[in-house]
């Protein structure tokens, strides 16, 4: 019971870091982003694997400036020389 409470508390702190990251990115707060980066780098050495994994996702979001990584991981496709290069994109059109 105690460990579940501690895990929930840790995840709450990570959610707060995530919100701070969003706000700092939107506000273009360079100093805030630097502090968040330092914190996330330090969390790479944390004992709990879920905390480390979430810190990696948030750090990638900070470096890439993209938030889609929260929903799913990037799935790379390896191609060999000579294969056709195809770009697929989903574009949503706004209703007029």
PDB file of N, CA and C in Angstrom:
ATOM      1  N   UNK A   1       0.822  -1.191   0.000  1.00  0.00           N
ATOM      2  CA  UNK A   1       0.000   0.000   0.000  1.00  0.00           C
ATOM      3  C   UNK A   1       0.870   1.262   0.000  1.00  0.00           C
ATOM      4  N   UNK A   2       1.910   1.227   0.817  1.00  0.00           N
ATOM      5  CA  UNK A   2       2.808   2.389   0.918  1.00  0.00           C
ATOM      6  C   UNK A   2       3.538   2.624  -0.406  1.00  0.00           C
ATOM      7  N   UNK A   3       3.987   1.543  -1.076  1.00  0.00           N
ATOM      8  CA  UNK A   3       4.714   1.709  -2.337  1.00  0.00           C
ATOM      9  C   UNK A   3       3.791   2.222  -3.443  1.00  0.00           C
ATOM     10  N   UNK A   4       2.510   1.824  -3.424  1.00  0.00           N
ATOM     11  CA  UNK A   4       1.561   2.341  -4.405  1.00  0.00           C
ATOM     12  C   UNK A   4       1.334   3.833  -4.203  1.00  0.00           C
ATOM     13  N   UNK A   5       1.277   4.239  -2.970  1.00  0.00           N
ATOM     14  CA  UNK A   5       1.096   5.657  -2.652  1.00  0.00           C
ATOM     15  C   UNK A   5       2.309   6.466  -3.113  1.00  0.00           C
ATOM     16  N   UNK A   6       3.505   5.908  -2.889  1.00  0.00           N
ATOM     17  CA  UNK A   6       4.725   6.586  -3.322  1.00  0.00           C
ATOM     18  C   UNK A   6       4.811   6.659  -4.845  1.00  0.00           C
ATOM     19  N   UNK A   7       4.419   5.571  -5.533  1.00  0.00           N
ATOM     20  CA  UNK A   7       4.437   5.566  -7.001  1.00  0.00           C
ATOM     21  C   UNK A   7       3.476   6.608  -7.556  1.00  0.00           C
ATOM     22  N   UNK A   8       2.294   6.703  -6.963  1.00  0.00           N
ATOM     23  CA  UNK A   8       1.317   7.695  -7.404  1.00  0.00           C
ATOM     24  C   UNK A   8       1.846   9.116  -7.190  1.00  0.00           C
ATOM     25  N   UNK A   9       2.542   9.312  -6.096  1.00  0.00           N
ATOM     26  CA  UNK A   9       3.111  10.624  -5.791  1.00  0.00           C
ATOM     27  C   UNK A   9       4.209  10.983  -6.795  1.00  0.00           C
ATOM     28  N   UNK A  10       5.049  10.006  -7.137  1.00  0.00           N
ATOM     29  CA  UNK A  10       6.115  10.237  -8.121  1.00  0.00           C
ATOM     30  C   UNK A  10       5.538  10.584  -9.483  1.00  0.00           C
ATOM     31  N   UNK A  11       4.502   9.862  -9.898  1.00  0.00           N
ATOM     32  CA  UNK A  11       3.875  10.139 -11.191  1.00  0.00           C
ATOM     33  C   UNK A  11       3.210  11.514 -11.202  1.00  0.00           C
ATOM     34  N   UNK A  12       2.682  11.928 -10.062  1.00  0.00           N
ATOM     35  CA  UNK A  12       2.092  13.268  -9.958  1.00  0.00           C
ATOM     36  C   UNK A  12       3.164  14.332 -10.174  1.00  0.00           C
ATOM     37  N   UNK A  13       4.345  14.117  -9.593  1.00  0.00           N
ATOM     38  CA  UNK A  13       5.441  15.063  -9.796  1.00  0.00           C
ATOM     39  C   UNK A  13       5.867  15.114 -11.256  1.00  0.00           C
ATOM     40  N   UNK A  14       5.895  13.958 -11.917  1.00  0.00           N
ATOM     41  CA  UNK A  14       6.255  13.944 -13.336  1.00  0.00           C
ATOM     42  C   UNK A  14       5.209  14.673 -14.174  1.00  0.00           C
ATOM     43  N   UNK A  15       3.948  14.545 -13.818  1.00  0.00           N
ATOM     44  CA  UNK A  15       2.900  15.282 -14.525  1.00  0.00           C
ATOM     45  C   UNK A  15       3.091  16.785 -14.356  1.00  0.00           C
ATOM     46  N   UNK A  16       3.516  17.205 -13.165  1.00  0.00           N
ATOM     47  CA  UNK A  16       3.780  18.624 -12.937  1.00  0.00           C
ATOM     48  C   UNK A  16       4.966  19.094 -13.774  1.00  0.00           C
ATOM     49  N   UNK A  17       5.989  18.260 -13.884  1.00  0.00           N
ATOM     50  CA  UNK A  17       7.141  18.593 -14.726  1.00  0.00           C
ATOM     51  C   UNK A  17       6.699  18.708 -16.180  1.00  0.00           C
ATOM     52  N   UNK A  18       5.830  17.793 -16.602  1.00  0.00           N
ATOM     53  CA  UNK A  18       5.312  17.818 -17.974  1.00  0.00           C
ATOM     54  C   UNK A  18       4.545  19.115 -18.249  1.00  0.00           C
ATOM     55  N   UNK A  19       3.693  19.513 -17.321  1.00  0.00           N
ATOM     56  CA  UNK A  19       2.951  20.766 -17.485  1.00  0.00           C
ATOM     57  C   UNK A  19       3.902  21.963 -17.539  1.00  0.00           C
ATOM     58  N   UNK A  20       4.909  21.946 -16.674  1.00  0.00           N
ATOM     59  CA  UNK A  20       5.899  23.034 -16.681  1.00  0.00           C
ATOM     60  C   UNK A  20       6.647  23.071 -18.010  1.00  0.00           C
ATOM     61  N   UNK A  21       6.920  21.900 -18.565  1.00  0.00           N
ATOM     62  CA  UNK A  21       7.596  21.823 -19.860  1.00  0.00           C
ATOM     63  C   UNK A  21       6.724  22.445 -20.947  1.00  0.00           C
ATOM     64  N   UNK A  22       5.436  22.105 -20.968  1.00  0.00           N
ATOM     65  CA  UNK A  22       4.523  22.680 -21.954  1.00  0.00           C
ATOM     66  C   UNK A  22       4.473  24.198 -21.842  1.00  0.00           C
ATOM     67  N   UNK A  23       4.327  24.682 -20.615  1.00  0.00           N
ATOM     68  CA  UNK A  23       4.222  26.127 -20.394  1.00  0.00           C
ATOM     69  C   UNK A  23       5.514  26.828 -20.818  1.00  0.00           C
ATOM     70  N   UNK A  24       6.658  26.254 -20.463  1.00  0.00           N
ATOM     71  CA  UNK A  24       7.947  26.864 -20.814  1.00  0.00           C
ATOM     72  C   UNK A  24       8.164  26.866 -22.325  1.00  0.00           C
ATOM     73  N   UNK A  25       7.721  25.801 -23.008  1.00  0.00           N
ATOM     74  CA  UNK A  25       7.868  25.758 -24.462  1.00  0.00           C
ATOM     75  C   UNK A  25       6.971  26.801 -25.124  1.00  0.00           C
ATOM     76  N   UNK A  26       5.735  26.911 -24.660  1.00  0.00           N
ATOM     77  CA  UNK A  26       4.806  27.881 -25.242  1.00  0.00           C
ATOM     78  C   UNK A  26       5.292  29.308 -24.995  1.00  0.00           C
ATOM     79  N   UNK A  27       5.787  29.556 -23.786  1.00  0.00           N
ATOM     80  CA  UNK A  27       6.259  30.897 -23.422  1.00  0.00           C
ATOM     81  C   UNK A  27       7.667  31.178 -23.936  1.00  0.00           C
ATOM     82  N   UNK A  28       8.304  30.174 -24.516  1.00  0.00           N
ATOM     83  CA  UNK A  28       9.693  30.296 -24.979  1.00  0.00           C
ATOM     84  C   UNK A  28      10.602  30.765 -23.844  1.00  0.00           C
ATOM     85  N   UNK A  29      10.416  30.132 -22.678  1.00  0.00           N
ATOM     86  CA  UNK A  29      11.169  30.453 -21.463  1.00  0.00           C
ATOM     87  C   UNK A  29      12.474  29.648 -21.463  1.00  0.00           C
ATOM     88  N   UNK A  30      13.523  30.218 -21.983  1.00  0.00           N
ATOM     89  CA  UNK A  30      14.800  29.522 -22.118  1.00  0.00           C
ATOM     90  C   UNK A  30      15.368  29.091 -20.778  1.00  0.00           C
ATOM     91  N   UNK A  31      15.322  29.968 -19.797  1.00  0.00           N
ATOM     92  CA  UNK A  31      15.862  29.624 -18.478  1.00  0.00           C
ATOM     93  C   UNK A  31      15.068  28.479 -17.849  1.00  0.00           C
ATOM     94  N   UNK A  32      13.751  28.543 -17.943  1.00  0.00           N
ATOM     95  CA  UNK A  32      12.911  27.469 -17.415  1.00  0.00           C
ATOM     96  C   UNK A  32      13.178  26.148 -18.116  1.00  0.00           C
ATOM     97  N   UNK A  33      13.340  26.191 -19.440  1.00  0.00           N
ATOM     98  CA  UNK A  33      13.646  24.976 -20.198  1.00  0.00           C
ATOM     99  C   UNK A  33      14.996  24.391 -19.792  1.00  0.00           C
ATOM    100  N   UNK A  34      15.960  25.257 -19.512  1.00  0.00           N
ATOM    101  CA  UNK A  34      17.272  24.766 -19.068  1.00  0.00           C
ATOM    102  C   UNK A  34      17.164  24.031 -17.732  1.00  0.00           C
ATOM    103  N   UNK A  35      16.366  24.583 -16.797  1.00  0.00           N
ATOM    104  CA  UNK A  35      16.191  23.932 -15.493  1.00  0.00           C
ATOM    105  C   UNK A  35      15.445  22.604 -15.635  1.00  0.00           C
ATOM    106  N   UNK A  36      14.429  22.589 -16.486  1.00  0.00           N
ATOM    107  CA  UNK A  36      13.678  21.350 -16.712  1.00  0.00           C
ATOM    108  C   UNK A  36      14.585  20.298 -17.349  1.00  0.00           C
ATOM    109  N   UNK A  37      15.427  20.718 -18.288  1.00  0.00           N
ATOM    110  CA  UNK A  37      16.368  19.789 -18.924  1.00  0.00           C
ATOM    111  C   UNK A  37      17.315  19.188 -17.885  1.00  0.00           C
ATOM    112  N   UNK A  38      17.842  20.015 -17.003  1.00  0.00           N
ATOM    113  CA  UNK A  38      18.744  19.519 -15.958  1.00  0.00           C
ATOM    114  C   UNK A  38      18.055  18.489 -15.064  1.00  0.00           C
ATOM    115  N   UNK A  39      16.821  18.793 -14.698  1.00  0.00           N
ATOM    116  CA  UNK A  39      16.058  17.886 -13.847  1.00  0.00           C
ATOM    117  C   UNK A  39      15.803  16.553 -14.550  1.00  0.00           C
ATOM    118  N   UNK A  40      15.393  16.609 -15.810  1.00  0.00           N
ATOM    119  CA  UNK A  40      15.110  15.384 -16.561  1.00  0.00           C
ATOM    120  C   UNK A  40      16.366  14.556 -16.786  1.00  0.00           C
ATOM    121  N   UNK A  41      17.485  15.198 -16.996  1.00  0.00           N
ATOM    122  CA  UNK A  41      18.751  14.471 -17.149  1.00  0.00           C
ATOM    123  C   UNK A  41      19.108  13.769 -15.841  1.00  0.00           C
ATOM    124  N   UNK A  42      18.893  14.433 -14.726  1.00  0.00           N
ATOM    125  CA  UNK A  42      19.169  13.807 -13.432  1.00  0.00           C
ATOM    126  C   UNK A  42      18.256  12.613 -13.186  1.00  0.00           C
ATOM    127  N   UNK A  43      17.028  12.683 -13.666  1.00  0.00           N
ATOM    128  CA  UNK A  43      16.090  11.568 -13.483  1.00  0.00           C
ATOM    129  C   UNK A  43      16.474  10.335 -14.304  1.00  0.00           C
ATOM    130  N   UNK A  44      17.416  10.473 -15.228  1.00  0.00           N
ATOM    131  CA  UNK A  44      17.888   9.322 -15.992  1.00  0.00           C
ATOM    132  C   UNK A  44      18.580   8.301 -15.089  1.00  0.00           C
ATOM    133  N   UNK A  45      19.053   8.748 -13.943  1.00  0.00           N
ATOM    134  CA  UNK A  45      19.716   7.855 -13.000  1.00  0.00           C
ATOM    135  C   UNK A  45      18.828   7.376 -11.872  1.00  0.00           C
ATOM    136  N   UNK A  46      17.531   7.663 -11.934  1.00  0.00           N
ATOM    137  CA  UNK A  46      16.608   7.281 -10.866  1.00  0.00           C
ATOM    138  C   UNK A  46      16.414   5.768 -10.850  1.00  0.00           C
ATOM    139  N   UNK A  47      16.194   5.205  -9.677  1.00  0.00           N
ATOM    140  CA  UNK A  47      16.089   3.744  -9.530  1.00  0.00           C
ATOM    141  C   UNK A  47      14.824   3.163 -10.153  1.00  0.00           C
ATOM    142  N   UNK A  48      13.718   3.892 -10.140  1.00  0.00           N
ATOM    143  CA  UNK A  48      12.441   3.407 -10.665  1.00  0.00           C
ATOM    144  C   UNK A  48      12.426   3.518 -12.190  1.00  0.00           C
ATOM    145  N   UNK A  49      12.243   2.383 -12.869  1.00  0.00           N
ATOM    146  CA  UNK A  49      12.299   2.352 -14.333  1.00  0.00           C
ATOM    147  C   UNK A  49      11.186   3.183 -14.970  1.00  0.00           C
ATOM    148  N   UNK A  50       9.996   3.226 -14.358  1.00  0.00           N
ATOM    149  CA  UNK A  50       8.905   4.000 -14.949  1.00  0.00           C
ATOM    150  C   UNK A  50       9.204   5.493 -14.928  1.00  0.00           C
ATOM    151  N   UNK A  51       9.860   5.933 -13.866  1.00  0.00           N
ATOM    152  CA  UNK A  51      10.256   7.343 -13.773  1.00  0.00           C
ATOM    153  C   UNK A  51      11.313   7.650 -14.828  1.00  0.00           C
ATOM    154  N   UNK A  52      12.297   6.764 -14.962  1.00  0.00           N
ATOM    155  CA  UNK A  52      13.344   6.961 -15.983  1.00  0.00           C
ATOM    156  C   UNK A  52      12.745   6.995 -17.377  1.00  0.00           C
ATOM    157  N   UNK A  53      11.846   6.063 -17.670  1.00  0.00           N
ATOM    158  CA  UNK A  53      11.236   6.007 -19.004  1.00  0.00           C
ATOM    159  C   UNK A  53      10.442   7.278 -19.303  1.00  0.00           C
ATOM    160  N   UNK A  54       9.669   7.736 -18.341  1.00  0.00           N
ATOM    161  CA  UNK A  54       8.884   8.951 -18.555  1.00  0.00           C
ATOM    162  C   UNK A  54       9.791  10.168 -18.691  1.00  0.00           C
ATOM    163  N   UNK A  55      10.889  10.190 -17.946  1.00  0.00           N
ATOM    164  CA  UNK A  55      11.843  11.298 -18.062  1.00  0.00           C
ATOM    165  C   UNK A  55      12.462  11.316 -19.457  1.00  0.00           C
ATOM    166  N   UNK A  56      12.721  10.147 -20.030  1.00  0.00           N
ATOM    167  CA  UNK A  56      13.275  10.076 -21.385  1.00  0.00           C
ATOM    168  C   UNK A  56      12.278  10.638 -22.389  1.00  0.00           C
ATOM    169  N   UNK A  57      11.014  10.274 -22.248  1.00  0.00           N
ATOM    170  CA  UNK A  57       9.980  10.789 -23.149  1.00  0.00           C
ATOM    171  C   UNK A  57       9.901  12.309 -23.050  1.00  0.00           C
ATOM    172  N   UNK A  58       9.895  12.833 -21.832  1.00  0.00           N
ATOM    173  CA  UNK A  58       9.813  14.282 -21.649  1.00  0.00           C
ATOM    174  C   UNK A  58      11.057  14.984 -22.175  1.00  0.00           C
ATOM    175  N   UNK A  59      12.213  14.372 -22.002  1.00  0.00           N
ATOM    176  CA  UNK A  59      13.449  14.954 -22.522  1.00  0.00           C
ATOM    177  C   UNK A  59      13.422  14.992 -24.049  1.00  0.00           C
ATOM    178  N   UNK A  60      12.921  13.930 -24.670  1.00  0.00           N
ATOM    179  CA  UNK A  60      12.779  13.931 -26.125  1.00  0.00           C
ATOM    180  C   UNK A  60      11.790  14.998 -26.582  1.00  0.00           C
ATOM    181  N   UNK A  61      10.730  15.189 -25.819  1.00  0.00           N
ATOM    182  CA  UNK A  61       9.773  16.244 -26.147  1.00  0.00           C
ATOM    183  C   UNK A  61      10.431  17.613 -26.062  1.00  0.00           C
ATOM    184  N   UNK A  62      11.272  17.789 -25.072  1.00  0.00           N
ATOM    185  CA  UNK A  62      11.975  19.062 -24.914  1.00  0.00           C
ATOM    186  C   UNK A  62      12.896  19.300 -26.109  1.00  0.00           C
ATOM    187  N   UNK A  63      13.672  18.288 -26.488  1.00  0.00           N
ATOM    188  CA  UNK A  63      14.626  18.446 -27.586  1.00  0.00           C
ATOM    189  C   UNK A  63      13.938  18.581 -28.940  1.00  0.00           C
ATOM    190  N   UNK A  64      12.858  17.824 -29.151  1.00  0.00           N
ATOM    191  CA  UNK A  64      12.183  17.828 -30.448  1.00  0.00           C
ATOM    192  C   UNK A  64      11.140  18.929 -30.565  1.00  0.00           C
ATOM    193  N   UNK A  65      10.619  19.383 -29.437  1.00  0.00           N
ATOM    194  CA  UNK A  65       9.559  20.373 -29.463  1.00  0.00           C
ATOM    195  C   UNK A  65       8.223  19.795 -29.889  1.00  0.00           C
ATOM    196  N   UNK A  66       8.058  18.487 -29.751  1.00  0.00           N
ATOM    197  CA  UNK A  66       6.831  17.798 -30.167  1.00  0.00           C
ATOM    198  C   UNK A  66       6.234  17.052 -28.993  1.00  0.00           C
ATOM    199  N   UNK A  67       4.908  17.013 -28.931  1.00  0.00           N
ATOM    200  CA  UNK A  67       4.267  16.325 -27.810  1.00  0.00           C
ATOM    201  C   UNK A  67       3.597  15.017 -28.199  1.00  0.00           C
ATOM    202  N   UNK A  68       3.643  14.618 -29.469  1.00  0.00           N
ATOM    203  CA  UNK A  68       2.965  13.382 -29.883  1.00  0.00           C
ATOM    204  C   UNK A  68       3.599  12.153 -29.257  1.00  0.00           C
ATOM    205  N   UNK A  69       4.797  12.271 -28.727  1.00  0.00           N
ATOM    206  CA  UNK A  69       5.478  11.123 -28.128  1.00  0.00           C
ATOM    207  C   UNK A  69       4.782  10.630 -26.867  1.00  0.00           C
ATOM    208  N   UNK A  70       3.883  11.439 -26.312  1.00  0.00           N
ATOM    209  CA  UNK A  70       3.129  10.999 -25.141  1.00  0.00           C
ATOM    210  C   UNK A  70       2.155   9.880 -25.488  1.00  0.00           C
ATOM    211  N   UNK A  71       1.610   9.903 -26.713  1.00  0.00           N
ATOM    212  CA  UNK A  71       0.631   8.906 -27.109  1.00  0.00           C
ATOM    213  C   UNK A  71       1.276   7.581 -27.523  1.00  0.00           C
ATOM    214  N   UNK A  72       2.353   7.643 -28.292  1.00  0.00           N
ATOM    215  CA  UNK A  72       3.012   6.425 -28.743  1.00  0.00           C
ATOM    216  C   UNK A  72       4.468   6.716 -29.094  1.00  0.00           C
ATOM    217  N   UNK A  73       5.262   5.690 -29.060  1.00  0.00           N
ATOM    218  CA  UNK A  73       6.675   5.826 -29.387  1.00  0.00           C
ATOM    219  C   UNK A  73       6.858   5.927 -30.899  1.00  0.00           C
ATOM    220  N   UNK A  74       7.930   6.544 -31.308  1.00  0.00           N
ATOM    221  CA  UNK A  74       8.270   6.632 -32.724  1.00  0.00           C
ATOM    222  C   UNK A  74       8.665   5.252 -33.226  1.00  0.00           C
ATOM    223  N   UNK A  75       8.090   4.852 -34.335  1.00  0.00           N
ATOM    224  CA  UNK A  75       8.402   3.548 -34.922  1.00  0.00           C
ATOM    225  C   UNK A  75       9.227   3.761 -36.185  1.00  0.00           C
ATOM    226  N   UNK A  76      10.523   3.622 -36.078  1.00  0.00           N
ATOM    227  CA  UNK A  76      11.366   3.851 -37.262  1.00  0.00           C
ATOM    228  C   UNK A  76      11.225   2.717 -38.263  1.00  0.00           C
ATOM    229  N   UNK A  77      11.429   3.049 -39.522  1.00  0.00           N
ATOM    230  CA  UNK A  77      11.429   2.062 -40.599  1.00  0.00           C
ATOM    231  C   UNK A  77      12.792   2.139 -41.263  1.00  0.00           C
ATOM    232  N   UNK A  78      13.467   1.015 -41.335  1.00  0.00           N
ATOM    233  CA  UNK A  78      14.788   0.971 -41.935  1.00  0.00           C
ATOM    234  C   UNK A  78      14.633   0.593 -43.409  1.00  0.00           C
ATOM    235  N   UNK A  79      15.227   1.355 -44.273  1.00  0.00           N
ATOM    236  CA  UNK A  79      15.170   1.105 -45.716  1.00  0.00           C
ATOM    237  C   UNK A  79      16.567   0.792 -46.228  1.00  0.00           C
ATOM    238  N   UNK A  80      16.610   0.049 -47.308  1.00  0.00           N
ATOM    239  CA  UNK A  80      17.878  -0.281 -47.961  1.00  0.00           C
ATOM    240  C   UNK A  80      18.032   0.582 -49.206  1.00  0.00           C
ATOM    241  N   UNK A  81      19.276   0.770 -49.611  1.00  0.00           N
ATOM    242  CA  UNK A  81      19.556   1.538 -50.821  1.00  0.00           C
ATOM    243  C   UNK A  81      18.889   0.845 -52.004  1.00  0.00           C
ATOM    244  N   UNK A  82      18.241   1.646 -52.828  1.00  0.00           N
ATOM    245  CA  UNK A  82      17.559   1.101 -53.996  1.00  0.00           C
ATOM    246  C   UNK A  82      16.068   0.971 -53.813  1.00  0.00           C
ATOM    247  N   UNK A  83      15.568   1.021 -52.566  1.00  0.00           N
ATOM    248  CA  UNK A  83      14.129   0.967 -52.343  1.00  0.00           C
ATOM    249  C   UNK A  83      13.534   2.349 -52.600  1.00  0.00           C
ATOM    250  N   UNK A  84      12.288   2.358 -52.999  1.00  0.00           N
ATOM    251  CA  UNK A  84      11.602   3.616 -53.256  1.00  0.00           C
ATOM    252  C   UNK A  84      11.341   4.334 -51.936  1.00  0.00           C
ATOM    253  N   UNK A  85      11.497   5.642 -51.987  1.00  0.00           N
ATOM    254  CA  UNK A  85      11.248   6.473 -50.811  1.00  0.00           C
ATOM    255  C   UNK A  85       9.838   7.033 -50.918  1.00  0.00           C
ATOM    256  N   UNK A  86       8.985   6.704 -49.956  1.00  0.00           N
ATOM    257  CA  UNK A  86       7.593   7.141 -49.965  1.00  0.00           C
ATOM    258  C   UNK A  86       7.303   7.857 -48.654  1.00  0.00           C
ATOM    259  N   UNK A  87       6.701   9.024 -48.768  1.00  0.00           N
ATOM    260  CA  UNK A  87       6.299   9.777 -47.586  1.00  0.00           C
ATOM    261  C   UNK A  87       4.777   9.726 -47.507  1.00  0.00           C
ATOM    262  N   UNK A  88       4.269   9.272 -46.368  1.00  0.00           N
ATOM    263  CA  UNK A  88       2.827   9.223 -46.131  1.00  0.00           C
ATOM    264  C   UNK A  88       2.492  10.217 -45.036  1.00  0.00           C
ATOM    265  N   UNK A  89       1.492  11.033 -45.275  1.00  0.00           N
ATOM    266  CA  UNK A  89       1.093  12.015 -44.270  1.00  0.00           C
ATOM    267  C   UNK A  89      -0.422  12.100 -44.217  1.00  0.00           C
ATOM    268  N   UNK A  90      -0.947  12.307 -43.032  1.00  0.00           N
ATOM    269  CA  UNK A  90      -2.379  12.506 -42.842  1.00  0.00           C
ATOM    270  C   UNK A  90      -2.597  13.999 -42.636  1.00  0.00           C
ATOM    271  N   UNK A  91      -3.416  14.589 -43.494  1.00  0.00           N
ATOM    272  CA  UNK A  91      -3.682  16.018 -43.416  1.00  0.00           C
ATOM    273  C   UNK A  91      -5.162  16.206 -43.166  1.00  0.00           C
ATOM    274  N   UNK A  92      -5.485  16.961 -42.139  1.00  0.00           N
ATOM    275  CA  UNK A  92      -6.885  17.252 -41.838  1.00  0.00           C
ATOM    276  C   UNK A  92      -7.234  18.608 -42.417  1.00  0.00           C
ATOM    277  N   UNK A  93      -8.334  18.633 -43.127  1.00  0.00           N
ATOM    278  CA  UNK A  93      -8.787  19.884 -43.725  1.00  0.00           C
ATOM    279  C   UNK A  93      -9.856  20.491 -42.824  1.00  0.00           C
ATOM    280  N   UNK A  94      -9.774  21.776 -42.636  1.00  0.00           N
ATOM    281  CA  UNK A  94     -10.789  22.446 -41.806  1.00  0.00           C
ATOM    282  C   UNK A  94     -12.040  22.642 -42.633  1.00  0.00           C
ATOM    283  N   UNK A  95     -13.178  22.486 -41.992  1.00  0.00           N
ATOM    284  CA  UNK A  95     -14.461  22.664 -42.663  1.00  0.00           C
ATOM    285  C   UNK A  95     -14.742  24.140 -42.894  1.00  0.00           C
ATOM    286  N   UNK A  96     -15.248  24.450 -44.053  1.00  0.00           N
ATOM    287  CA  UNK A  96     -15.566  25.863 -44.367  1.00  0.00           C
ATOM    288  C   UNK A  96     -17.044  26.066 -44.370  1.00  0.00           C
TER     289      UNK A  96
END
